[in-house]
Amino acid sequence: MTRGRFVSFEGIEGSGKTTQITRLADRWRADGVPLLITREPGGTRLGESMRRVLLDAQTMDLTPEAELLLFYASRSQNIEEKIRPALERGDTVICDRFFDASFAYQGYGRGLDLSVIERLTDLVCRDFRPELTVLLDIDPATGLERARRRNRSRAREEGRFESEDLDFYERVRDGYLDLARRDPDRIRVVPALGAVEDVEARVHSVLAAHAHQP
């Protein structure tokens, strides 16, 4: 069975994930690479419904445990409906967040037991793990201001996480960096400040280096 590449992008709000994924996808499509672009939460009809609940600023009183389980329900559907078939076709998959986000947000950010998240990851993801994760790293104050400005300009309803305080994002960022220290072969930290083109060049450098690893 042919198996395609699986790349994920991670980072806090305002780190520029969507922009960099779009630019990478344009580059790879121009090179003739068959691609699936997906996101979490979301990616499927069920997942997009869960996304509306999870990210809507009007969603109130959601417990950390309920939040975690909704993310994994969306992830399970995304794997079975989108990611697994694409990889089995030999396509390359780019996912805007994957299980690292649950460790960073619900684990380090909300304080849930990391071992519980590990068990859920084993249950839901099995061997569907990114071969490379690009972590776009940015100071939380800068990222949060970017995200809030973006939401105001676009009149978006996905402002639930942007309403969290700075301390929450400090914990999430620290969590992401801790995950990168634990798994440096897979998770590559890319500074997200600077011009879009400069960040793109850093991302491309990381991808090129990974592609040439034995």
Foldseek 3Di string as FASTA:
>chain_A
DAFAAEEEEAEDAQLCLVVLVVVVVVVVVVVVAAEDEAEFQPRDPLSVVLLCQLQFQPNPDQDLVNSLVSRLVSQLCNCVPPVVVCRVVHHYYYYHDDLLQCCLQSPQLVPDDVVVSVVSCCVRCPPVDHQAYEYAYDQQVNNLVSRVVVCVVVVDRRCNVSPDDNVSNVRSRVSSVVVCVVPVSHYDYQHRDDDPVVSSVSVVVVVVVNVPDD
